[in-house]
Amino acid sequence: MKITFRLNHRWTLVLAVMALLSFSACQNKDTIKVRTDEPPAFNDKNDSLSWVLGFSAAQNISGLGVDINREILIKAICTTLDSKEQPFTKEQTITMLMELEKEAYMKQAQDESTKLKETQEREAAYFANLIKDNPNVKKHEKGFYYEVLKEGSGKQGGPGLVAVFDYKGFFTNGQIIDQTYGNRPPITHVINESIFPGLYEGLCMMKAGSTYRFYFPSELAFGARGSDNIPPFTTIIYEVEVHDVYE
């Protein structure tokens, strides 16, 4: 029985890539074992691409938190490539994959909920000490904290306006995340929701000529996903200097 059906994008990628990764194992009909104790030889672009796709698929499968039987996995791929009889019907296969996807989603949601609670407790203590140690720090109604280092007298930012500004980002331990100073020209950006929530609100309250230091809880910064160089659930500090605001 040959089964053909559509899966969602994630499963299509995982299964197709595992087929590529295991294809060489299918060439030997007497064994389904794949040697992992020796580095492969990359003879051409397709070999390199096969490795990269295999790496991506393995990460997806590892993220599911399922104890995979590698031999059965590879045998399933070989059986399918050889158009042999399948032990499960189309409906059974789809049902099992949907259940697995649901379980993975629920586990991820639970893990994120637990991590968020831990982060909120840590941030509550951090911000309490921050206000205690620095009376110039104020809490904004949206939930972030800020300190006015210099108050400007120019046009105030607002939704849809353009802000020209420099910034320096820190972790709470003082380590610099990123900055424009000495690296690139000031940012020219429309104040809209394409920037993270805390910075959006911060730019809306600043006038041209101002310099503020913002303390953003993770929920108003990069949240549970993080960013390129910012881990998930990270409290960040931004020092922002607005040079100009215009329509």
Protein backbone atom coordinates (compact mmCIF):
# COMPACT_ATOMS: atom_id res chain seq x y z
CA MET A 1 0.00 0.00 0.00
CA LYS A 2 1.45 3.37 -1.01
CA ILE A 3 0.38 6.36 1.06
CA THR A 4 0.54 9.91 -0.20
CA PHE A 5 -0.78 12.84 1.82
CA ARG A 6 0.07 16.34 2.95
CA LEU A 7 1.49 17.16 6.38
CA ASN A 8 2.02 20.60 7.82
CA HIS A 9 5.23 22.43 6.92
CA ARG A 10 7.10 21.33 10.02
CA TRP A 11 6.50 17.62 9.51
CA THR A 12 7.11 17.81 5.78
CA LEU A 13 10.53 19.29 6.48
CA VAL A 14 11.41 16.82 9.22
CA LEU A 15 10.42 13.69 7.33
CA ALA A 16 11.81 14.79 3.98
CA VAL A 17 15.13 15.75 5.51
CA MET A 18 15.40 12.51 7.44
CA ALA A 19 14.90 10.73 4.14
CA LEU A 20 17.85 12.60 2.69
CA LEU A 21 19.93 11.96 5.79
CA SER A 22 19.23 8.24 5.72
CA PHE A 23 19.32 7.63 1.98
CA SER A 24 22.86 6.24 2.04
CA ALA A 25 21.79 3.71 4.66
CA CYS A 26 19.07 2.48 2.33
CA GLN A 27 21.59 1.59 -0.34
CA ASN A 28 22.78 -1.39 1.71
CA LYS A 29 19.85 -3.79 1.85
CA ASP A 30 21.55 -5.97 4.49
CA THR A 31 21.74 -3.35 7.23
CA ILE A 32 19.92 -0.25 8.43
CA LYS A 33 22.63 0.98 10.77
CA VAL A 34 24.27 4.34 10.14
CA ARG A 35 27.82 4.91 11.33
CA THR A 36 28.21 8.06 13.37
CA ASP A 37 31.71 7.44 14.73
CA GLU A 38 33.44 8.74 11.61
CA PRO A 39 33.12 12.18 9.97
CA PRO A 40 31.48 12.02 6.54
CA ALA A 41 33.26 12.96 3.34
CA PHE A 42 31.72 16.01 1.70
CA ASN A 43 32.45 15.47 -1.97
CA ASP A 44 30.13 18.07 -3.42
CA LYS A 45 27.50 20.68 -2.62
CA ASN A 46 24.75 18.07 -2.28
CA ASP A 47 26.73 16.26 0.41
CA SER A 48 27.10 19.47 2.40
CA LEU A 49 23.44 20.34 1.93
CA SER A 50 22.43 16.86 3.07
CA TRP A 51 24.34 17.33 6.30
CA VAL A 52 22.87 20.77 6.97
CA LEU A 53 19.33 19.54 6.30
CA GLY A 54 19.95 16.53 8.50
CA PHE A 55 21.17 18.79 11.28
CA SER A 56 18.02 20.90 10.99
CA ALA A 57 15.75 17.84 11.04
CA ALA A 58 17.52 16.35 14.05
CA GLN A 59 17.06 19.59 15.97
CA ASN A 60 13.34 19.55 15.18
CA ILE A 61 12.99 15.95 16.32
CA SER A 62 15.06 16.54 19.47
CA GLY A 63 12.81 19.47 20.33
CA LEU A 64 9.80 17.13 20.47
CA GLY A 65 11.17 15.42 23.57
CA VAL A 66 10.42 11.93 22.20
CA ASP A 67 12.70 8.93 22.64
CA ILE A 68 13.27 7.97 19.00
CA ASN A 69 14.21 4.44 17.91
CA ARG A 70 16.73 5.29 15.21
CA GLU A 71 16.68 1.90 13.52
CA ILE A 72 12.90 1.94 13.15
CA LEU A 73 13.04 5.53 11.92
CA ILE A 74 15.56 4.67 9.21
CA LYS A 75 13.73 1.46 8.29
CA ALA A 76 10.50 3.44 7.85
CA ILE A 77 12.27 5.80 5.45
CA CYS A 78 13.78 2.93 3.46
CA THR A 79 10.46 1.09 3.34
CA THR A 80 8.72 4.20 2.04
CA LEU A 81 11.41 4.94 -0.55
CA ASP A 82 11.12 1.36 -1.77
CA SER A 83 7.31 1.71 -2.01
CA LYS A 84 6.75 -1.26 0.28
CA GLU A 85 3.71 -2.05 2.42
CA GLN A 86 3.18 0.34 5.35
CA PRO A 87 2.17 -0.93 8.82
CA PHE A 88 -0.12 2.07 9.42
CA THR A 89 -2.89 3.54 7.33
CA LYS A 90 -2.91 7.14 6.16
CA GLU A 91 -5.47 8.04 8.82
CA GLN A 92 -3.50 6.36 11.62
CA THR A 93 -0.30 8.10 10.57
CA ILE A 94 -1.91 11.53 10.47
CA THR A 95 -3.58 10.96 13.85
CA MET A 96 -0.31 9.95 15.54
CA LEU A 97 1.56 12.92 14.10
CA MET A 98 -1.19 15.32 15.15
CA GLU A 99 -1.18 13.88 18.68
CA LEU A 100 2.60 14.22 18.86
CA GLU A 101 2.42 17.81 17.63
CA LYS A 102 -0.25 18.59 20.23
CA GLU A 103 1.78 17.03 23.04
CA ALA A 104 4.89 18.95 21.97
CA TYR A 105 2.93 22.21 21.86
CA MET A 106 1.42 21.62 25.31
CA LYS A 107 4.82 20.80 26.79
CA GLN A 108 6.33 23.93 25.26
CA ALA A 109 3.48 26.06 26.58
CA GLN A 110 3.88 24.57 30.07
CA ASP A 111 7.65 25.12 30.02
CA GLU A 112 7.20 28.73 28.91
CA SER A 113 4.56 29.35 31.59
CA THR A 114 6.90 28.01 34.28
CA LYS A 115 9.82 30.03 32.97
CA LEU A 116 7.68 33.18 32.76
CA LYS A 117 6.59 32.81 36.39
CA GLU A 118 10.21 32.40 37.49
CA THR A 119 11.22 35.42 35.42
CA GLN A 120 8.46 37.60 36.86
CA GLU A 121 9.52 36.70 40.41
CA ARG A 122 13.15 37.51 39.63
CA GLU A 123 12.21 40.77 37.92
CA ALA A 124 9.98 41.85 40.79
CA ALA A 125 12.94 41.57 43.16
CA TYR A 126 15.25 43.29 40.70
CA PHE A 127 12.95 46.28 40.13
CA ALA A 128 12.19 46.61 43.86
CA ASN A 129 15.91 46.93 44.57
CA LEU A 130 16.35 49.26 41.59
CA ILE A 131 13.79 51.75 42.92
CA LYS A 132 15.16 51.42 46.44
CA ASP A 133 18.71 52.19 45.30
CA ASN A 134 17.84 54.87 42.75
CA PRO A 135 14.99 57.27 43.62
CA ASN A 136 15.18 58.79 40.11
CA VAL A 137 13.80 55.60 38.57
CA LYS A 138 10.05 55.70 37.95
CA LYS A 139 7.56 53.06 36.89
CA HIS A 140 5.57 53.59 33.70
CA GLU A 141 1.91 52.56 33.62
CA LYS A 142 2.77 49.99 30.93
CA GLY A 143 5.03 48.11 33.33
CA PHE A 144 8.58 49.18 32.46
CA TYR A 145 10.84 51.49 34.45
CA TYR A 146 12.72 54.57 33.31
CA GLU A 147 15.11 57.28 34.40
CA VAL A 148 15.36 60.73 32.81
CA LEU A 149 19.04 61.48 32.25
CA LYS A 150 18.35 64.58 30.19
CA GLU A 151 15.00 66.16 29.33
CA GLY A 152 14.73 67.66 25.86
CA SER A 153 12.54 70.49 24.64
CA GLY A 154 11.87 69.37 21.08
CA LYS A 155 8.92 67.60 19.48
CA GLN A 156 7.60 64.62 21.41
CA GLY A 157 7.52 61.21 19.82
CA GLY A 158 4.28 59.47 18.99
CA PRO A 159 2.75 56.73 16.84
CA GLY A 160 3.57 57.19 13.17
CA LEU A 161 6.22 59.87 13.73
CA VAL A 162 9.84 59.36 12.76
CA ALA A 163 12.48 59.31 15.52
CA VAL A 164 16.21 59.73 15.00
CA PHE A 165 18.07 58.24 17.95
CA ASP A 166 21.18 56.57 19.29
CA TYR A 167 20.98 53.78 21.81
CA LYS A 168 23.03 51.45 23.97
CA GLY A 169 21.59 48.15 25.22
CA PHE A 170 22.73 46.29 28.34
CA PHE A 171 22.03 43.16 30.27
CA THR A 172 21.32 43.76 33.96
CA ASN A 173 24.90 42.75 34.80
CA GLY A 174 26.16 45.73 32.77
CA GLN A 175 27.32 43.73 29.74
CA ILE A 176 26.67 45.64 26.52
CA ILE A 177 24.31 43.92 24.10
CA ASP A 178 24.52 46.37 21.22
CA GLN A 179 24.92 50.07 20.55
CA THR A 180 24.97 52.58 17.74
CA TYR A 181 27.70 54.71 19.31
CA GLY A 182 30.92 54.08 17.42
CA ASN A 183 29.32 51.32 15.36
CA ARG A 184 26.90 52.95 12.95
CA PRO A 185 24.92 56.16 12.36
CA PRO A 186 21.89 56.97 14.54
CA ILE A 187 18.74 54.96 13.87
CA THR A 188 15.99 56.61 11.84
CA HIS A 189 12.79 54.69 12.45
CA VAL A 190 9.04 55.18 12.34
CA ILE A 191 7.58 54.81 15.83
CA ASN A 192 5.28 51.86 15.33
CA GLU A 193 4.69 48.32 16.53
CA SER A 194 7.52 46.88 14.44
CA ILE A 195 9.82 47.68 17.35
CA PHE A 196 9.50 45.80 20.62
CA PRO A 197 6.69 47.04 22.94
CA GLY A 198 8.80 48.69 25.62
CA LEU A 199 10.88 50.72 23.17
CA TYR A 200 7.75 51.74 21.29
CA GLU A 201 6.22 53.15 24.48
CA GLY A 202 9.53 54.73 25.49
CA LEU A 203 9.99 56.62 22.23
CA CYS A 204 6.42 57.88 22.47
CA MET A 205 7.17 59.60 25.78
CA MET A 206 10.50 61.19 24.78
CA LYS A 207 11.06 64.64 23.28
CA ALA A 208 13.82 65.47 20.82
CA GLY A 209 16.96 66.28 22.78
CA SER A 210 16.14 63.82 25.58
CA THR A 211 18.19 60.96 26.94
CA TYR A 212 16.36 58.28 28.98
CA ARG A 213 17.45 55.01 30.50
CA PHE A 214 14.80 52.30 30.27
CA TYR A 215 14.55 49.07 32.23
CA PHE A 216 12.41 46.62 30.27
CA PRO A 217 10.99 43.38 31.73
CA SER A 218 11.26 40.53 29.27
CA GLU A 219 7.54 40.64 28.41
CA LEU A 220 7.99 44.17 27.03
CA ALA A 221 11.28 43.34 25.32
CA PHE A 222 12.07 40.11 23.45
CA GLY A 223 9.94 37.78 25.54
CA ALA A 224 9.94 33.99 25.37
CA ARG A 225 11.63 33.91 21.96
CA GLY A 226 14.60 36.16 22.64
CA SER A 227 16.64 37.59 19.81
CA ASP A 228 19.90 36.89 17.98
CA ASN A 229 22.10 37.74 20.96
CA ILE A 230 19.45 38.02 23.68
CA PRO A 231 18.31 34.82 25.44
CA PRO A 232 14.60 34.20 26.09
CA PHE A 233 13.07 35.76 29.21
CA THR A 234 15.80 38.39 29.56
CA THR A 235 15.45 41.74 31.34
CA ILE A 236 17.24 44.44 29.34
CA ILE A 237 18.32 48.04 29.84
CA TYR A 238 18.27 50.57 27.00
CA GLU A 239 19.80 54.02 27.14
CA VAL A 240 18.20 56.08 24.35
CA GLU A 241 19.19 59.52 23.08
CA VAL A 242 16.61 61.09 20.75
CA HIS A 243 18.09 63.65 18.36
CA ASP A 244 15.02 64.53 16.29
CA VAL A 245 11.34 63.74 15.85
CA TYR A 246 9.42 64.64 12.73
CA GLU A 247 6.44 63.64 10.61
